[in-house]
Amino acid sequence: MTEVVETVPPRAGRTAGDGVRMLVSGLGQLLITAGVILLLFVGYELWFTGIYTRQQQQTAEKAIQQTFTAARAPASGSSQ
């Protein structure tokens, strides 16, 4: 029985196609990374800024209510 062994000849060096493939692969990875970063930023803009704004509006509402309550109290308590 004869045994056949297949060997892959060693590459002599890089071909012109290798550089193009490396460039396209790097560009693809860069675009995917940029897309993920943009999606994270959109999520931040939509949800987290809404939470912060709601908290600030509640604080402002309490301050206005206290101002109105304080302004009304002396006017209703004074007699003429």
N, C-alpha and C. Protein backbone atom coordinates (compact mmCIF):
# COMPACT_ATOMS: atom_id res chain seq x y z
N MET A 1 0.83 -1.16 0.00
CA MET A 1 0.00 0.00 0.00
C MET A 1 0.89 1.24 0.00
N THR A 2 0.56 2.15 -0.88
CA THR A 2 1.35 3.36 -0.98
C THR A 2 0.60 4.49 -0.29
N GLU A 3 1.31 5.21 0.51
CA GLU A 3 0.70 6.31 1.27
C GLU A 3 0.97 7.62 0.52
N VAL A 4 -0.09 8.40 0.30
CA VAL A 4 0.04 9.68 -0.40
C VAL A 4 -0.04 10.79 0.63
N VAL A 5 0.96 11.62 0.66
CA VAL A 5 1.00 12.73 1.58
C VAL A 5 0.97 14.01 0.75
N GLU A 6 -0.04 14.83 1.01
CA GLU A 6 -0.14 16.09 0.28
C GLU A 6 0.54 17.17 1.10
N THR A 7 1.37 17.91 0.46
CA THR A 7 2.03 19.01 1.14
C THR A 7 1.68 20.30 0.44
N VAL A 8 1.58 21.33 1.22
CA VAL A 8 1.30 22.65 0.67
C VAL A 8 2.64 23.34 0.48
N PRO A 9 2.91 23.79 -0.73
CA PRO A 9 4.20 24.45 -0.92
C PRO A 9 4.24 25.77 -0.15
N PRO A 10 5.37 26.10 0.44
CA PRO A 10 5.47 27.35 1.18
C PRO A 10 5.33 28.54 0.24
N ARG A 11 4.74 29.59 0.77
CA ARG A 11 4.54 30.78 -0.05
C ARG A 11 5.84 31.55 -0.15
N ALA A 12 6.08 32.04 -1.31
CA ALA A 12 7.33 32.76 -1.53
C ALA A 12 7.29 34.14 -0.89
N GLY A 13 6.11 34.72 -0.73
CA GLY A 13 5.98 36.05 -0.16
C GLY A 13 4.55 36.52 -0.31
N ARG A 14 4.35 37.75 -0.02
CA ARG A 14 3.01 38.29 -0.14
C ARG A 14 2.71 38.65 -1.59
N THR A 15 1.47 38.43 -1.94
CA THR A 15 1.05 38.81 -3.28
C THR A 15 0.34 40.15 -3.23
N ALA A 16 0.02 40.72 -4.36
CA ALA A 16 -0.65 42.01 -4.42
C ALA A 16 -2.04 41.91 -3.81
N GLY A 17 -2.69 40.79 -3.95
CA GLY A 17 -4.02 40.60 -3.39
C GLY A 17 -4.04 40.58 -1.87
N ASP A 18 -2.95 40.18 -1.26
CA ASP A 18 -2.88 40.14 0.21
C ASP A 18 -3.01 41.54 0.80
N GLY A 19 -2.34 42.51 0.21
CA GLY A 19 -2.42 43.88 0.71
C GLY A 19 -3.81 44.45 0.58
N VAL A 20 -4.46 44.16 -0.54
CA VAL A 20 -5.83 44.66 -0.75
C VAL A 20 -6.78 44.01 0.24
N ARG A 21 -6.64 42.70 0.44
CA ARG A 21 -7.50 42.00 1.41
C ARG A 21 -7.29 42.54 2.81
N MET A 22 -6.05 42.82 3.17
CA MET A 22 -5.77 43.36 4.50
C MET A 22 -6.38 44.75 4.65
N LEU A 23 -6.29 45.57 3.61
CA LEU A 23 -6.86 46.91 3.65
C LEU A 23 -8.38 46.86 3.76
N VAL A 24 -9.02 46.03 2.97
CA VAL A 24 -10.49 45.91 3.01
C VAL A 24 -10.94 45.34 4.34
N SER A 25 -10.20 44.37 4.86
CA SER A 25 -10.56 43.79 6.16
C SER A 25 -10.44 44.84 7.27
N GLY A 26 -9.36 45.61 7.26
CA GLY A 26 -9.18 46.66 8.27
C GLY A 26 -10.26 47.72 8.16
N LEU A 27 -10.61 48.10 6.93
CA LEU A 27 -11.66 49.09 6.73
C LEU A 27 -13.01 48.56 7.22
N GLY A 28 -13.28 47.30 6.97
CA GLY A 28 -14.53 46.69 7.44
C GLY A 28 -14.62 46.68 8.95
N GLN A 29 -13.53 46.32 9.61
CA GLN A 29 -13.52 46.33 11.07
C GLN A 29 -13.68 47.73 11.62
N LEU A 30 -13.07 48.70 10.97
CA LEU A 30 -13.20 50.09 11.40
C LEU A 30 -14.64 50.58 11.27
N LEU A 31 -15.30 50.24 10.16
CA LEU A 31 -16.68 50.66 9.96
C LEU A 31 -17.63 49.98 10.95
N ILE A 32 -17.39 48.73 11.25
CA ILE A 32 -18.23 48.03 12.24
C ILE A 32 -18.05 48.67 13.61
N THR A 33 -16.83 48.98 13.99
CA THR A 33 -16.56 49.63 15.28
C THR A 33 -17.22 50.99 15.35
N ALA A 34 -17.11 51.77 14.27
CA ALA A 34 -17.75 53.09 14.23
C ALA A 34 -19.27 52.96 14.34
N GLY A 35 -19.85 51.96 13.70
CA GLY A 35 -21.29 51.75 13.79
C GLY A 35 -21.74 51.41 15.19
N VAL A 36 -20.98 50.57 15.87
CA VAL A 36 -21.32 50.21 17.25
C VAL A 36 -21.23 51.43 18.16
N ILE A 37 -20.20 52.25 17.96
CA ILE A 37 -20.06 53.46 18.78
C ILE A 37 -21.21 54.42 18.52
N LEU A 38 -21.61 54.57 17.26
CA LEU A 38 -22.75 55.44 16.95
C LEU A 38 -24.05 54.91 17.56
N LEU A 39 -24.25 53.61 17.53
CA LEU A 39 -25.46 53.05 18.15
C LEU A 39 -25.47 53.28 19.66
N LEU A 40 -24.32 53.15 20.29
CA LEU A 40 -24.24 53.43 21.73
C LEU A 40 -24.54 54.89 22.02
N PHE A 41 -24.06 55.79 21.18
CA PHE A 41 -24.33 57.22 21.37
C PHE A 41 -25.81 57.53 21.19
N VAL A 42 -26.44 56.92 20.20
CA VAL A 42 -27.88 57.14 19.99
C VAL A 42 -28.66 56.62 21.20
N GLY A 43 -28.28 55.47 21.72
CA GLY A 43 -28.94 54.95 22.92
C GLY A 43 -28.79 55.89 24.09
N TYR A 44 -27.61 56.45 24.26
CA TYR A 44 -27.37 57.43 25.33
C TYR A 44 -28.27 58.65 25.13
N GLU A 45 -28.32 59.16 23.91
CA GLU A 45 -29.13 60.35 23.64
C GLU A 45 -30.62 60.09 23.89
N LEU A 46 -31.09 58.91 23.52
CA LEU A 46 -32.52 58.62 23.65
C LEU A 46 -32.94 58.34 25.09
N TRP A 47 -32.18 57.53 25.79
CA TRP A 47 -32.64 57.08 27.10
C TRP A 47 -32.02 57.83 28.27
N PHE A 48 -30.73 57.95 28.31
CA PHE A 48 -30.09 58.51 29.50
C PHE A 48 -30.28 60.02 29.63
N THR A 49 -30.31 60.73 28.51
CA THR A 49 -30.58 62.16 28.63
C THR A 49 -32.03 62.41 29.01
N GLY A 50 -32.93 61.51 28.63
CA GLY A 50 -34.32 61.63 29.05
C GLY A 50 -34.46 61.46 30.56
N ILE A 51 -33.72 60.53 31.12
CA ILE A 51 -33.76 60.32 32.57
C ILE A 51 -33.23 61.56 33.29
N TYR A 52 -32.12 62.11 32.81
CA TYR A 52 -31.53 63.30 33.42
C TYR A 52 -32.48 64.49 33.31
N THR A 53 -33.09 64.67 32.15
CA THR A 53 -34.01 65.79 31.94
C THR A 53 -35.23 65.67 32.85
N ARG A 54 -35.75 64.47 33.01
CA ARG A 54 -36.91 64.26 33.88
C ARG A 54 -36.57 64.65 35.32
N GLN A 55 -35.40 64.27 35.79
CA GLN A 55 -34.98 64.62 37.15
C GLN A 55 -34.84 66.13 37.31
N GLN A 56 -34.28 66.80 36.33
CA GLN A 56 -34.11 68.25 36.40
C GLN A 56 -35.46 68.96 36.36
N GLN A 57 -36.39 68.46 35.57
CA GLN A 57 -37.72 69.06 35.50
C GLN A 57 -38.46 68.89 36.83
N GLN A 58 -38.32 67.75 37.47
CA GLN A 58 -38.97 67.55 38.76
C GLN A 58 -38.39 68.49 39.81
N THR A 59 -37.08 68.70 39.77
CA THR A 59 -36.45 69.64 40.70
C THR A 59 -36.96 71.06 40.46
N ALA A 60 -37.05 71.45 39.20
CA ALA A 60 -37.54 72.79 38.86
C ALA A 60 -39.01 72.95 39.25
N GLU A 61 -39.81 71.90 39.06
CA GLU A 61 -41.22 71.96 39.42
C GLU A 61 -41.39 72.16 40.94
N LYS A 62 -40.60 71.46 41.73
CA LYS A 62 -40.68 71.62 43.18
C LYS A 62 -40.30 73.04 43.60
N ALA A 63 -39.27 73.58 42.97
CA ALA A 63 -38.84 74.94 43.29
C ALA A 63 -39.92 75.96 42.95
N ILE A 64 -40.57 75.78 41.80
CA ILE A 64 -41.65 76.71 41.41
C ILE A 64 -42.83 76.60 42.36
N GLN A 65 -43.19 75.37 42.73
CA GLN A 65 -44.30 75.18 43.65
C GLN A 65 -44.01 75.82 45.01
N GLN A 66 -42.78 75.72 45.49
CA GLN A 66 -42.41 76.34 46.75
C GLN A 66 -42.48 77.86 46.62
N THR A 67 -42.05 78.39 45.48
CA THR A 67 -42.10 79.84 45.27
C THR A 67 -43.54 80.33 45.26
N PHE A 68 -44.42 79.63 44.56
CA PHE A 68 -45.83 80.03 44.49
C PHE A 68 -46.49 79.91 45.86
N THR A 69 -46.18 78.85 46.59
CA THR A 69 -46.75 78.67 47.92
C THR A 69 -46.29 79.78 48.86
N ALA A 70 -45.02 80.13 48.80
CA ALA A 70 -44.49 81.19 49.66
C ALA A 70 -45.08 82.54 49.28
N ALA A 71 -45.32 82.78 48.00
CA ALA A 71 -45.87 84.06 47.55
C ALA A 71 -47.35 84.19 47.93
N ARG A 72 -48.07 83.10 47.96
CA ARG A 72 -49.50 83.13 48.29
C ARG A 72 -49.75 83.25 49.79
N ALA A 73 -48.90 82.66 50.59
CA ALA A 73 -49.13 82.60 52.04
C ALA A 73 -49.25 83.99 52.67
N PRO A 74 -48.34 84.92 52.47
CA PRO A 74 -48.50 86.24 53.12
C PRO A 74 -49.70 87.03 52.56
N ALA A 75 -50.01 86.88 51.30
CA ALA A 75 -51.10 87.65 50.71
C ALA A 75 -52.45 87.19 51.29
N SER A 76 -52.63 85.92 51.50
CA SER A 76 -53.90 85.43 52.03
C SER A 76 -53.98 85.64 53.53
N GLY A 77 -52.86 85.75 54.23
CA GLY A 77 -52.87 85.92 55.68
C GLY A 77 -52.99 87.37 56.12
N SER A 78 -52.72 88.31 55.25
CA SER A 78 -52.79 89.73 55.64
C SER A 78 -54.22 90.23 55.57
N SER A 79 -54.57 91.12 56.47
CA SER A 79 -55.92 91.70 56.47
C SER A 79 -55.82 93.19 56.21
N GLN A 80 -56.79 93.74 55.47
CA GLN A 80 -56.77 95.16 55.15
C GLN A 80 -57.90 95.88 55.74
